[in-house]
Amino acid sequence: MSAAHATVAAPARVRARPSRRRRARARARSRGAILWIAVSAVLLAGVVFVNLAVLRLNLALDRATQERSNLRAANHALQSQLSAALASPRIQAEARRADGLVPAEQTTVINLVP
């Protein structure tokens, strides 16, 4: 065999244990990643709770708006009833029916000032 054709087996690579410094850096990175995950989880939970609070407030606002609308409608109905009750023709008819009163045909003004 010629020297050009001879193959030399490469020595097997032996994995050396990482140095202490590398292991410390890897642990620090994993701690940092865990810390960021925890902080992100807390912030996301805060966002969820804020959204729930806003939703509750919107529901309460909708109920209050609906109640206000109902109260306004009831108020208008009562005003209409009051207006009808105070109408002059109705009052005159009620006076005729209940007390037998009739409108005056002649009025006289008496001056009480001497």
C-alpha atoms as a PDB file:
ATOM      1  CA  MET A   1       0.000   0.000   0.000  1.00  0.00           C
ATOM      2  CA  SER A   2       1.064   3.369  -0.725  1.00  0.00           C
ATOM      3  CA  ALA A   3       1.098   6.131   1.765  1.00  0.00           C
ATOM      4  CA  ALA A   4      -1.354   8.140  -0.271  1.00  0.00           C
ATOM      5  CA  HIS A   5      -3.981   5.457  -0.074  1.00  0.00           C
ATOM      6  CA  ALA A   6      -3.633   4.597   3.491  1.00  0.00           C
ATOM      7  CA  THR A   7      -6.362   5.831   5.703  1.00  0.00           C
ATOM      8  CA  VAL A   8      -5.629   6.824   9.157  1.00  0.00           C
ATOM      9  CA  ALA A   9      -8.332   6.367  11.657  1.00  0.00           C
ATOM     10  CA  ALA A  10      -9.167   9.580  13.417  1.00  0.00           C
ATOM     11  CA  PRO A  11      -9.115   9.345  17.139  1.00  0.00           C
ATOM     12  CA  ALA A  12     -12.590   9.041  18.633  1.00  0.00           C
ATOM     13  CA  ARG A  13     -13.869  12.274  19.975  1.00  0.00           C
ATOM     14  CA  VAL A  14     -14.379  12.118  23.649  1.00  0.00           C
ATOM     15  CA  ARG A  15     -16.918  14.485  25.035  1.00  0.00           C
ATOM     16  CA  ALA A  16     -15.417  16.286  27.868  1.00  0.00           C
ATOM     17  CA  ARG A  17     -17.601  17.435  30.705  1.00  0.00           C
ATOM     18  CA  PRO A  18     -18.452  21.088  30.411  1.00  0.00           C
ATOM     19  CA  SER A  19     -16.409  23.309  32.571  1.00  0.00           C
ATOM     20  CA  ARG A  20     -17.818  24.669  35.776  1.00  0.00           C
ATOM     21  CA  ARG A  21     -18.092  28.097  34.260  1.00  0.00           C
ATOM     22  CA  ARG A  22     -20.182  26.787  31.355  1.00  0.00           C
ATOM     23  CA  ARG A  23     -22.444  24.817  33.693  1.00  0.00           C
ATOM     24  CA  ALA A  24     -22.936  27.896  35.867  1.00  0.00           C
ATOM     25  CA  ARG A  25     -23.836  29.982  32.805  1.00  0.00           C
ATOM     26  CA  ALA A  26     -26.278  27.327  31.597  1.00  0.00           C
ATOM     27  CA  ARG A  27     -27.938  27.234  35.032  1.00  0.00           C
ATOM     28  CA  ALA A  28     -28.127  31.019  35.120  1.00  0.00           C
ATOM     29  CA  ARG A  29     -29.723  31.064  31.660  1.00  0.00           C
ATOM     30  CA  SER A  30     -32.302  28.474  32.633  1.00  0.00           C
ATOM     31  CA  ARG A  31     -33.099  30.390  35.824  1.00  0.00           C
ATOM     32  CA  GLY A  32     -33.494  33.561  33.772  1.00  0.00           C
ATOM     33  CA  ALA A  33     -35.781  31.795  31.318  1.00  0.00           C
ATOM     34  CA  ILE A  34     -37.899  30.419  34.162  1.00  0.00           C
ATOM     35  CA  LEU A  35     -38.059  33.896  35.706  1.00  0.00           C
ATOM     36  CA  TRP A  36     -39.213  35.437  32.398  1.00  0.00           C
ATOM     37  CA  ILE A  37     -41.832  32.728  31.971  1.00  0.00           C
ATOM     38  CA  ALA A  38     -43.135  33.386  35.487  1.00  0.00           C
ATOM     39  CA  VAL A  39     -43.203  37.166  34.939  1.00  0.00           C
ATOM     40  CA  SER A  40     -45.003  36.711  31.611  1.00  0.00           C
ATOM     41  CA  ALA A  41     -47.551  34.399  33.232  1.00  0.00           C
ATOM     42  CA  VAL A  42     -48.243  36.938  35.991  1.00  0.00           C
ATOM     43  CA  LEU A  43     -48.644  39.756  33.462  1.00  0.00           C
ATOM     44  CA  LEU A  44     -50.977  37.685  31.292  1.00  0.00           C
ATOM     45  CA  ALA A  45     -53.048  36.757  34.340  1.00  0.00           C
ATOM     46  CA  GLY A  46     -53.269  40.465  35.173  1.00  0.00           C
ATOM     47  CA  VAL A  47     -54.498  41.249  31.672  1.00  0.00           C
ATOM     48  CA  VAL A  48     -57.157  38.545  31.975  1.00  0.00           C
ATOM     49  CA  PHE A  49     -58.350  39.891  35.340  1.00  0.00           C
ATOM     50  CA  VAL A  50     -58.498  43.454  34.005  1.00  0.00           C
ATOM     51  CA  ASN A  51     -60.534  42.281  31.007  1.00  0.00           C
ATOM     52  CA  LEU A  52     -62.923  40.438  33.326  1.00  0.00           C
ATOM     53  CA  ALA A  53     -63.350  43.565  35.448  1.00  0.00           C
ATOM     54  CA  VAL A  54     -64.092  45.649  32.340  1.00  0.00           C
ATOM     55  CA  LEU A  55     -66.610  43.043  31.176  1.00  0.00           C
ATOM     56  CA  ARG A  56     -68.381  43.117  34.551  1.00  0.00           C
ATOM     57  CA  LEU A  57     -68.515  46.908  34.485  1.00  0.00           C
ATOM     58  CA  ASN A  58     -69.928  46.882  30.954  1.00  0.00           C
ATOM     59  CA  LEU A  59     -72.620  44.413  32.010  1.00  0.00           C
ATOM     60  CA  ALA A  60     -73.534  46.601  34.982  1.00  0.00           C
ATOM     61  CA  LEU A  61     -73.626  49.639  32.705  1.00  0.00           C
ATOM     62  CA  ASP A  62     -75.931  47.823  30.276  1.00  0.00           C
ATOM     63  CA  ARG A  63     -78.286  46.884  33.115  1.00  0.00           C
ATOM     64  CA  ALA A  64     -78.316  50.465  34.415  1.00  0.00           C
ATOM     65  CA  THR A  65     -78.966  51.821  30.922  1.00  0.00           C
ATOM     66  CA  GLN A  66     -81.843  49.372  30.434  1.00  0.00           C
ATOM     67  CA  GLU A  67     -83.314  50.310  33.815  1.00  0.00           C
ATOM     68  CA  ARG A  68     -83.020  54.006  32.980  1.00  0.00           C
ATOM     69  CA  SER A  69     -84.805  53.404  29.680  1.00  0.00           C
ATOM     70  CA  ASN A  70     -87.595  51.516  31.437  1.00  0.00           C
ATOM     71  CA  LEU A  71     -87.952  54.254  34.050  1.00  0.00           C
ATOM     72  CA  ARG A  72     -88.125  56.939  31.360  1.00  0.00           C
ATOM     73  CA  ALA A  73     -90.854  55.000  29.545  1.00  0.00           C
ATOM     74  CA  ALA A  74     -92.805  54.611  32.796  1.00  0.00           C
ATOM     75  CA  ASN A  75     -92.318  58.312  33.539  1.00  0.00           C
ATOM     76  CA  HIS A  76     -93.688  59.276  30.113  1.00  0.00           C
ATOM     77  CA  ALA A  77     -96.698  57.006  30.640  1.00  0.00           C
ATOM     78  CA  LEU A  78     -97.377  58.605  34.030  1.00  0.00           C
ATOM     79  CA  GLN A  79     -97.030  62.098  32.572  1.00  0.00           C
ATOM     80  CA  SER A  80     -99.524  61.177  29.881  1.00  0.00           C
ATOM     81  CA  GLN A  81    -101.973  59.868  32.491  1.00  0.00           C
ATOM     82  CA  LEU A  82    -101.541  63.031  34.561  1.00  0.00           C
ATOM     83  CA  SER A  83    -102.100  65.211  31.522  1.00  0.00           C
ATOM     84  CA  ALA A  84    -105.263  63.296  30.659  1.00  0.00           C
ATOM     85  CA  ALA A  85    -106.462  63.541  34.264  1.00  0.00           C
ATOM     86  CA  LEU A  86    -105.924  67.289  34.344  1.00  0.00           C
ATOM     87  CA  ALA A  87    -107.688  67.935  31.064  1.00  0.00           C
ATOM     88  CA  SER A  88    -110.477  70.506  31.464  1.00  0.00           C
ATOM     89  CA  PRO A  89    -113.243  68.613  29.627  1.00  0.00           C
ATOM     90  CA  ARG A  90    -112.613  65.538  31.731  1.00  0.00           C
ATOM     91  CA  ILE A  91    -112.732  67.570  34.934  1.00  0.00           C
ATOM     92  CA  GLN A  92    -115.999  69.210  33.877  1.00  0.00           C
ATOM     93  CA  ALA A  93    -117.559  65.859  33.012  1.00  0.00           C
ATOM     94  CA  GLU A  94    -116.457  64.415  36.329  1.00  0.00           C
ATOM     95  CA  ALA A  95    -117.920  67.422  38.193  1.00  0.00           C
ATOM     96  CA  ARG A  96    -121.260  67.023  36.398  1.00  0.00           C
ATOM     97  CA  ARG A  97    -121.384  63.309  37.071  1.00  0.00           C
ATOM     98  CA  ALA A  98    -120.243  63.269  40.694  1.00  0.00           C
ATOM     99  CA  ASP A  99    -121.612  66.517  42.102  1.00  0.00           C
ATOM    100  CA  GLY A 100    -124.190  67.659  39.575  1.00  0.00           C
ATOM    101  CA  LEU A 101    -122.278  70.879  38.905  1.00  0.00           C
ATOM    102  CA  VAL A 102    -122.784  72.816  35.690  1.00  0.00           C
ATOM    103  CA  PRO A 103    -120.711  75.599  34.124  1.00  0.00           C
ATOM    104  CA  ALA A 104    -121.731  79.099  35.135  1.00  0.00           C
ATOM    105  CA  GLU A 105    -123.720  80.946  32.503  1.00  0.00           C
ATOM    106  CA  GLN A 106    -123.160  84.396  33.918  1.00  0.00           C
ATOM    107  CA  THR A 107    -120.388  85.710  36.074  1.00  0.00           C
ATOM    108  CA  THR A 108    -120.357  88.844  38.132  1.00  0.00           C
ATOM    109  CA  VAL A 109    -117.268  90.634  39.332  1.00  0.00           C
ATOM    110  CA  ILE A 110    -117.539  92.261  42.739  1.00  0.00           C
ATOM    111  CA  ASN A 111    -114.930  94.863  43.589  1.00  0.00           C
ATOM    112  CA  LEU A 112    -114.138  94.683  47.312  1.00  0.00           C
ATOM    113  CA  VAL A 113    -111.728  97.593  47.396  1.00  0.00           C
ATOM    114  CA  PRO A 114    -113.395 100.794  48.792  1.00  0.00           C
END
